[in-house]
Amino acid sequence: MKHWQETNAILDRLAELTAAGQDAAIACVVKISGSAYRRPGARFLIADDGSTLGGISGGCLEEDVRQTGLAVIEDGECRLLHYETGDDDEALWGLGLGCDGEVDIFVAPATRPGFAEAAGRLRNLLAQDNAFAAVTVLGTTSGTTAGTETSIDGRMLILGSNPKLAASTGDAGVDEALLAAANDAADAGVSRTVLVDGVRAFIEVFEPPPYLVICGAGDDAMPMVRSAADAGFRVLVIDHRPAYLLTERFPTAWRLVEALPDDVLEIPVGADTFVVLKTHNLARDKAWARRFLAAPIPYLGLLGPRARCEEIAEEAAEHDRERIFAPIGLDLGAEGPEQVGLAVVSELLAVRSGRSPGHLKNREAPIHDRV
């Protein structure tokens, strides 16, 4: 769920570099097999001065990919890197791979033809709230007619809300096949690498990140907002006190809203909206609970002692109580606002992924359900 915001941050940084006359390359995880730290779509920006942003592993592949990125900036040629475990497991574990892990990473210059237009379209779509897909051409096999006049390696074809590609490989048949593959990937909600009509491409599915609405902008909300934003939530903080709703206090918040429970508000309330009530005012928390439980949200978390939480929950209909998490957070033995914030965000992630929290050492199934 960090994919959306990380991509946006990298494109924002790329725009800054471009405006300053600097060159850059972008590395992207396009395929994994077995154990890998990041999922397809994870990006890593390498500027011509060696500075970077983002990540494509646990921190050990980055230096190797950074050096490749600098070479890509120098010669303008795309590269598809492949890392896998072999006989020397210890060496490859140092490169961020687990047992039997394989990772393909595509590194391309940000100056490649058509990329500026594609990046602009991508940024526009990331500013909206709809799922979409992007197709990046990784290369062609011998015998294909696509892109024979000019290299199409690294060409990005954006598939937005309209069922068509915003660019072309130069072959109408290939475009049609890629469009069909992109629609299939979007329907499944899974990014993947495909080979169609001699063209290898990475189909990247972008799904909007979930919302977290926090009612109450006290000091204890600040670390919770930071943790939630870092995890990939779009965090909206609501409070009736304007002095608390300051960007300096919540620099990573998506929106700051001054409001009371009965005010008319235009805020997202749907199946991917999570709500935390922490106004430290019982009557106000009750009012917010009534308002949000009238919407189809999957999660309403209450901060406070069990007795206080039960008093709020008692006013809810029986069928609504399963959506109420009170007291809020996982049982981590948390103390203080920073640890409580982590416990709450951990619970949000577990609920959203449909997991019963436990130790990974006791999990026999793959850590990630979808590849």
Protein backbone atom coordinates (compact mmCIF):
# COMPACT_ATOMS: atom_id res chain seq x y z
CA MET A 1 0.00 0.00 0.00
CA LYS A 2 3.10 2.23 0.08
CA HIS A 3 3.43 1.83 -3.69
CA TRP A 4 1.14 4.76 -4.57
CA GLN A 5 2.77 7.30 -2.27
CA GLU A 6 6.35 6.16 -2.86
CA THR A 7 5.91 6.46 -6.61
CA ASN A 8 4.43 9.92 -6.19
CA ALA A 9 7.35 11.01 -3.98
CA ILE A 10 9.88 9.75 -6.53
CA LEU A 11 8.14 11.54 -9.40
CA ASP A 12 8.02 14.73 -7.33
CA ARG A 13 11.75 14.45 -6.68
CA LEU A 14 12.40 13.72 -10.35
CA ALA A 15 10.54 16.91 -11.29
CA GLU A 16 12.81 18.86 -8.93
CA LEU A 17 15.93 17.32 -10.46
CA THR A 18 14.71 18.01 -13.98
CA ALA A 19 13.99 21.64 -13.11
CA ALA A 20 17.53 21.92 -11.72
CA GLY A 21 19.02 20.48 -14.92
CA GLN A 22 20.08 17.18 -13.35
CA ASP A 23 19.78 13.74 -14.91
CA ALA A 24 18.49 10.65 -13.13
CA ALA A 25 17.69 6.98 -13.53
CA ILE A 26 14.85 5.01 -11.97
CA ALA A 27 15.15 1.39 -10.86
CA CYS A 28 11.97 -0.64 -10.39
CA VAL A 29 11.36 -4.14 -9.06
CA VAL A 30 9.52 -5.90 -11.90
CA LYS A 31 9.53 -9.54 -10.81
CA ILE A 32 10.18 -11.58 -7.68
CA SER A 33 10.22 -15.25 -6.87
CA GLY A 34 10.57 -16.83 -3.48
CA SER A 35 11.62 -14.59 -0.62
CA ALA A 36 12.16 -10.91 -1.35
CA TYR A 37 11.98 -7.79 0.79
CA ARG A 38 10.04 -5.54 -1.61
CA ARG A 39 7.18 -6.23 -3.99
CA PRO A 40 6.95 -5.50 -7.74
CA GLY A 41 6.59 -1.76 -8.29
CA ALA A 42 9.05 -0.71 -5.57
CA ARG A 43 11.20 2.12 -6.96
CA PHE A 44 14.63 3.60 -6.40
CA LEU A 45 15.66 6.96 -7.87
CA ILE A 46 19.34 7.60 -8.62
CA ALA A 47 20.38 11.19 -9.38
CA ASP A 48 23.49 12.03 -11.38
CA ASP A 49 25.18 13.33 -8.21
CA GLY A 50 24.77 9.89 -6.61
CA SER A 51 21.92 10.83 -4.27
CA THR A 52 18.99 8.44 -4.06
CA LEU A 53 15.38 8.15 -2.95
CA GLY A 54 13.22 5.10 -2.31
CA GLY A 55 14.25 1.48 -2.02
CA ILE A 56 14.12 -1.86 -3.80
CA SER A 57 15.43 -4.20 -1.07
CA GLY A 58 16.19 -4.27 2.62
CA GLY A 59 19.03 -1.84 2.01
CA CYS A 60 21.75 -4.08 0.58
CA LEU A 61 20.88 -4.19 -3.10
CA GLU A 62 20.71 -0.42 -3.27
CA GLU A 63 24.44 0.28 -3.61
CA ASP A 64 24.85 -2.18 -6.47
CA VAL A 65 21.79 -0.77 -8.22
CA ARG A 66 22.96 2.80 -7.55
CA GLN A 67 26.19 2.10 -9.43
CA THR A 68 24.19 0.61 -12.30
CA GLY A 69 21.93 3.66 -12.28
CA LEU A 70 24.90 5.98 -12.65
CA ALA A 71 26.09 3.94 -15.63
CA VAL A 72 22.59 4.12 -17.15
CA ILE A 73 22.61 7.91 -16.77
CA GLU A 74 26.00 7.99 -18.50
CA ASP A 75 25.17 5.86 -21.55
CA GLY A 76 21.36 6.18 -21.70
CA GLU A 77 20.86 2.42 -22.05
CA CYS A 78 18.22 0.52 -20.05
CA ARG A 79 19.31 -2.52 -18.04
CA LEU A 80 17.40 -5.47 -16.62
CA LEU A 81 19.21 -6.82 -13.56
CA HIS A 82 18.67 -10.26 -12.09
CA TYR A 83 19.65 -11.34 -8.58
CA GLU A 84 19.19 -14.83 -7.19
CA THR A 85 20.49 -17.05 -4.44
CA GLY A 86 23.07 -19.64 -5.39
CA ASP A 87 25.75 -21.59 -3.65
CA ASP A 88 26.88 -18.60 -1.59
CA ASP A 89 23.72 -17.90 0.39
CA GLU A 90 25.52 -15.65 2.86
CA ALA A 91 26.75 -13.30 0.12
CA LEU A 92 23.33 -13.04 -1.45
CA TRP A 93 21.61 -12.57 1.90
CA GLY A 94 23.83 -9.50 2.11
CA LEU A 95 22.17 -8.35 -1.11
CA GLY A 96 18.76 -8.41 0.54
CA LEU A 97 17.54 -11.81 -0.70
CA GLY A 98 16.17 -14.64 1.37
CA CYS A 99 16.32 -18.36 0.70
CA ASP A 100 15.63 -19.21 -2.94
CA GLY A 101 14.85 -15.56 -3.66
CA GLU A 102 15.01 -14.05 -7.12
CA VAL A 103 14.51 -10.40 -8.01
CA ASP A 104 14.44 -8.67 -11.41
CA ILE A 105 15.09 -4.94 -11.37
CA PHE A 106 14.68 -2.70 -14.42
CA VAL A 107 16.88 0.39 -14.51
CA ALA A 108 16.10 3.09 -17.07
CA PRO A 109 17.17 6.70 -17.69
CA ALA A 110 14.55 9.29 -16.81
CA THR A 111 15.48 11.07 -20.04
CA ARG A 112 14.24 8.23 -22.28
CA PRO A 113 11.88 9.26 -25.10
CA GLY A 114 8.33 9.85 -24.04
CA PHE A 115 9.01 9.38 -20.34
CA ALA A 116 8.38 13.01 -19.38
CA GLU A 117 4.88 12.81 -20.86
CA ALA A 118 4.22 9.43 -19.23
CA ALA A 119 5.49 10.70 -15.86
CA GLY A 120 3.19 13.71 -16.10
CA ARG A 121 0.20 11.50 -16.81
CA LEU A 122 1.24 9.18 -13.99
CA ARG A 123 1.40 12.10 -11.55
CA ASN A 124 -2.04 13.28 -12.63
CA LEU A 125 -3.51 9.83 -11.99
CA LEU A 126 -1.77 9.58 -8.61
CA ALA A 127 -3.45 12.85 -7.62
CA GLN A 128 -6.84 11.18 -8.12
CA ASP A 129 -8.50 8.29 -6.32
CA ASN A 130 -8.96 5.61 -8.96
CA ALA A 131 -7.05 2.42 -9.64
CA PHE A 132 -5.08 2.29 -12.90
CA ALA A 133 -2.28 0.41 -14.59
CA ALA A 134 0.97 1.29 -16.31
CA VAL A 135 2.85 -0.86 -18.81
CA THR A 136 6.63 -0.51 -19.04
CA VAL A 137 8.36 -2.20 -21.96
CA LEU A 138 11.40 -4.12 -20.69
CA GLY A 139 12.66 -5.31 -24.06
CA THR A 140 11.85 -7.25 -27.21
CA THR A 141 12.80 -10.71 -28.38
CA SER A 142 14.18 -11.40 -31.82
CA GLY A 143 11.61 -11.57 -34.58
CA THR A 144 9.16 -9.04 -33.19
CA THR A 145 8.18 -6.08 -35.34
CA ALA A 146 7.32 -3.81 -32.43
CA GLY A 147 9.58 -0.79 -32.18
CA THR A 148 11.88 -1.85 -35.00
CA GLU A 149 12.46 1.74 -36.09
CA THR A 150 13.27 3.06 -32.62
CA SER A 151 14.08 1.36 -29.34
CA ILE A 152 11.03 0.95 -27.12
CA ASP A 153 12.91 -0.35 -24.08
CA GLY A 154 11.67 1.57 -21.06
CA ARG A 155 8.68 3.04 -22.88
CA MET A 156 5.82 3.53 -20.42
CA LEU A 157 2.25 3.13 -21.64
CA ILE A 158 -0.28 4.43 -19.13
CA LEU A 159 -3.66 2.76 -18.85
CA GLY A 160 -6.00 5.14 -17.05
CA SER A 161 -9.74 5.12 -16.51
CA ASN A 162 -10.24 4.94 -20.29
CA PRO A 163 -9.65 1.45 -21.72
CA LYS A 164 -6.80 2.45 -24.00
CA LEU A 165 -3.06 2.94 -23.93
CA ALA A 166 -1.72 6.49 -23.83
CA ALA A 167 1.26 5.57 -26.03
CA SER A 168 2.24 2.88 -28.50
CA THR A 169 4.89 0.25 -29.06
CA GLY A 170 4.66 0.94 -32.76
CA ASP A 171 2.71 -2.25 -33.44
CA ALA A 172 -1.09 -2.20 -33.15
CA GLY A 173 -1.26 -5.94 -32.49
CA VAL A 174 1.24 -5.71 -29.64
CA ASP A 175 -0.61 -2.72 -28.20
CA GLU A 176 -3.85 -4.69 -28.22
CA ALA A 177 -2.21 -7.69 -26.52
CA LEU A 178 -0.60 -5.49 -23.86
CA LEU A 179 -3.91 -3.75 -23.25
CA ALA A 180 -5.63 -7.09 -22.68
CA ALA A 181 -2.85 -8.24 -20.34
CA ALA A 182 -3.03 -4.93 -18.44
CA ASN A 183 -6.77 -5.27 -18.00
CA ASP A 184 -6.32 -8.82 -16.67
CA ALA A 185 -3.67 -7.65 -14.19
CA ALA A 186 -5.83 -4.73 -13.08
CA ASP A 187 -8.81 -7.03 -12.52
CA ALA A 188 -6.63 -9.33 -10.41
CA GLY A 189 -5.03 -6.39 -8.60
CA VAL A 190 -1.57 -7.89 -9.06
CA SER A 191 1.46 -6.40 -10.84
CA ARG A 192 3.28 -8.84 -13.11
CA THR A 193 5.81 -9.29 -15.91
CA VAL A 194 4.39 -10.66 -19.17
CA LEU A 195 5.68 -11.70 -22.59
CA VAL A 196 3.28 -10.93 -25.44
CA ASP A 197 4.08 -11.12 -29.13
CA GLY A 198 7.80 -10.87 -28.50
CA VAL A 199 7.55 -7.91 -26.13
CA ARG A 200 8.46 -8.34 -22.47
CA ALA A 201 6.64 -5.82 -20.32
CA PHE A 202 6.01 -5.03 -16.69
CA ILE A 203 2.34 -4.40 -15.95
CA GLU A 204 2.10 -2.29 -12.83
CA VAL A 205 -1.19 -2.03 -10.99
CA PHE A 206 -1.75 1.07 -8.90
CA GLU A 207 -4.44 0.86 -6.21
CA PRO A 208 -5.26 3.95 -4.13
CA PRO A 209 -3.94 3.73 -0.57
CA PRO A 210 -6.43 3.45 2.30
CA TYR A 211 -7.57 6.41 4.37
CA LEU A 212 -7.11 6.78 8.10
CA VAL A 213 -9.32 9.36 9.80
CA ILE A 214 -8.09 10.37 13.24
CA CYS A 215 -10.50 12.42 15.34
CA GLY A 216 -8.45 14.31 17.89
CA ALA A 217 -5.30 16.34 17.20
CA GLY A 218 -3.72 16.24 20.64
CA ASP A 219 0.00 15.76 21.14
CA ASP A 220 -0.44 11.99 21.37
CA ALA A 221 -1.83 11.96 17.82
CA MET A 222 1.41 13.21 16.28
CA PRO A 223 3.44 9.96 16.46
CA MET A 224 0.39 7.94 15.38
CA VAL A 225 0.00 10.12 12.27
CA ARG A 226 3.70 9.74 11.46
CA SER A 227 3.59 5.95 11.80
CA ALA A 228 0.41 5.64 9.75
CA ALA A 229 1.69 7.90 6.97
CA ASP A 230 4.99 6.00 6.88
CA ALA A 231 3.01 2.76 6.52
CA GLY A 232 1.19 4.17 3.49
CA PHE A 233 -2.12 5.48 4.84
CA ARG A 234 -3.53 8.79 3.69
CA VAL A 235 -4.10 10.34 7.10
CA LEU A 236 -6.85 12.88 7.71
CA VAL A 237 -6.84 14.57 11.13
CA ILE A 238 -10.03 16.17 12.44
CA ASP A 239 -10.30 18.51 15.42
CA HIS A 240 -12.46 21.48 16.39
CA ARG A 241 -9.43 23.45 17.65
CA PRO A 242 -7.61 25.26 14.83
CA ALA A 243 -4.56 25.87 17.01
CA TYR A 244 -3.95 22.10 17.03
CA LEU A 245 -4.36 21.64 13.30
CA LEU A 246 -0.97 22.93 12.22
CA THR A 247 1.21 21.55 9.46
CA GLU A 248 4.20 21.85 11.79
CA ARG A 249 2.51 19.36 14.12
CA PHE A 250 1.37 16.99 11.37
CA PRO A 251 3.74 17.41 8.40
CA THR A 252 2.89 13.98 6.97
CA ALA A 253 -0.89 14.29 7.23
CA TRP A 254 -2.86 14.16 3.98
CA ARG A 255 -5.44 16.67 5.22
CA LEU A 256 -6.18 18.66 8.37
CA VAL A 257 -9.87 19.40 8.93
CA GLU A 258 -11.45 21.71 11.51
CA ALA A 259 -14.84 20.24 12.41
CA LEU A 260 -17.23 18.92 15.05
CA PRO A 261 -19.24 15.69 14.70
CA ASP A 262 -22.40 17.43 13.48
CA ASP A 263 -20.68 19.57 10.84
CA VAL A 264 -21.18 18.97 7.15
CA LEU A 265 -18.01 17.30 5.87
CA GLU A 266 -16.75 15.96 2.57
CA ILE A 267 -14.41 13.24 3.72
CA PRO A 268 -13.91 9.69 2.41
CA VAL A 269 -16.03 7.11 4.24
CA GLY A 270 -16.03 3.75 2.51
CA ALA A 271 -14.69 0.22 2.54
CA ASP A 272 -11.08 1.42 2.64
CA THR A 273 -11.50 4.09 5.33
CA PHE A 274 -10.32 3.37 8.86
CA VAL A 275 -11.27 5.60 11.79
CA VAL A 276 -9.61 6.22 15.15
CA LEU A 277 -11.39 8.23 17.86
CA LYS A 278 -9.17 9.93 20.39
CA THR A 279 -10.66 13.31 21.23
CA HIS A 280 -10.33 12.64 24.98
CA ASN A 281 -13.92 13.81 25.30
CA LEU A 282 -16.52 11.09 25.92
CA ALA A 283 -19.53 12.92 24.46
CA ARG A 284 -17.57 13.92 21.36
CA ASP A 285 -16.23 10.40 20.81
CA LYS A 286 -19.78 9.05 21.10
CA ALA A 287 -21.00 11.54 18.51
CA TRP A 288 -18.17 10.69 16.11
CA ALA A 289 -18.83 6.97 16.64
CA ARG A 290 -22.50 7.37 15.70
CA ARG A 291 -21.56 9.30 12.59
CA PHE A 292 -18.91 6.91 11.31
CA LEU A 293 -20.78 3.71 12.15
CA ALA A 294 -23.55 4.95 9.85
CA ALA A 295 -21.02 4.59 7.00
CA PRO A 296 -19.63 1.31 5.55
CA ILE A 297 -16.20 1.61 7.20
CA PRO A 298 -14.49 -1.65 8.23
CA TYR A 299 -12.80 -0.34 11.37
CA LEU A 300 -13.61 2.06 14.20
CA GLY A 301 -10.93 2.21 16.88
CA LEU A 302 -11.45 3.72 20.32
CA LEU A 303 -8.61 4.94 22.49
CA GLY A 304 -9.03 4.76 26.24
CA PRO A 305 -9.77 2.44 29.17
CA ARG A 306 -11.96 -0.60 28.56
CA ALA A 307 -14.87 0.72 30.60
CA ARG A 308 -14.95 3.97 28.63
CA CYS A 309 -14.74 2.09 25.34
CA GLU A 310 -17.57 -0.23 26.36
CA GLU A 311 -19.77 2.74 27.21
CA ILE A 312 -19.30 4.06 23.67
CA ALA A 313 -19.75 0.63 22.08
CA GLU A 314 -22.98 -0.02 24.00
CA GLU A 315 -24.71 2.65 21.93
CA ALA A 316 -23.88 0.82 18.69
CA ALA A 317 -26.19 -1.72 17.09
CA GLU A 318 -25.24 -5.34 17.64
CA HIS A 319 -24.24 -5.84 13.99
CA ASP A 320 -21.94 -2.79 14.15
CA ARG A 321 -19.95 -3.92 17.16
CA GLU A 322 -17.71 -6.27 15.20
CA ARG A 323 -16.31 -3.19 13.46
CA ILE A 324 -15.41 -1.57 16.77
CA PHE A 325 -11.90 -2.20 18.06
CA ALA A 326 -11.69 -1.14 21.67
CA PRO A 327 -9.38 -0.69 23.39
CA ILE A 328 -7.48 0.04 20.22
CA GLY A 329 -4.22 -1.56 19.12
CA LEU A 330 -2.35 -4.86 19.25
CA ASP A 331 -1.15 -6.26 22.54
CA LEU A 332 2.50 -5.21 22.27
CA GLY A 333 2.95 -4.05 25.84
CA ALA A 334 3.05 -0.52 24.45
CA GLU A 335 3.77 2.45 26.68
CA GLY A 336 3.71 6.10 25.66
CA PRO A 337 2.30 7.73 22.50
CA GLU A 338 5.04 6.51 20.16
CA GLN A 339 4.59 2.85 21.09
CA VAL A 340 0.80 3.15 21.21
CA GLY A 341 0.89 4.64 17.72
CA LEU A 342 2.87 1.64 16.47
CA ALA A 343 0.45 -0.77 18.16
CA VAL A 344 -2.52 0.95 16.51
CA VAL A 345 -0.97 1.08 13.04
CA SER A 346 0.03 -2.58 13.37
CA GLU A 347 -3.57 -3.46 14.12
CA LEU A 348 -4.79 -1.43 11.15
CA LEU A 349 -2.43 -3.30 8.82
CA ALA A 350 -3.54 -6.66 10.21
CA VAL A 351 -7.24 -5.83 9.84
CA ARG A 352 -6.80 -4.53 6.31
CA SER A 353 -4.89 -7.62 5.20
CA GLY A 354 -7.28 -9.97 6.96
CA ARG A 355 -4.58 -11.38 9.22
CA SER A 356 -4.71 -12.65 12.78
CA PRO A 357 -1.52 -11.10 14.18
CA GLY A 358 1.16 -13.51 15.29
CA HIS A 359 4.88 -14.14 15.14
CA LEU A 360 6.27 -14.68 11.65
CA LYS A 361 8.39 -17.52 13.00
CA ASN A 362 5.15 -19.44 13.52
CA ARG A 363 3.76 -18.73 10.03
CA GLU A 364 4.04 -21.60 7.55
CA ALA A 365 2.36 -19.86 4.59
CA PRO A 366 4.21 -17.25 2.48
CA ILE A 367 4.49 -13.83 4.14
CA HIS A 368 2.92 -12.15 1.11
CA ASP A 369 -0.28 -13.69 -0.20
CA ARG A 370 -0.04 -12.35 -3.76
CA VAL A 371 2.90 -12.14 -6.13
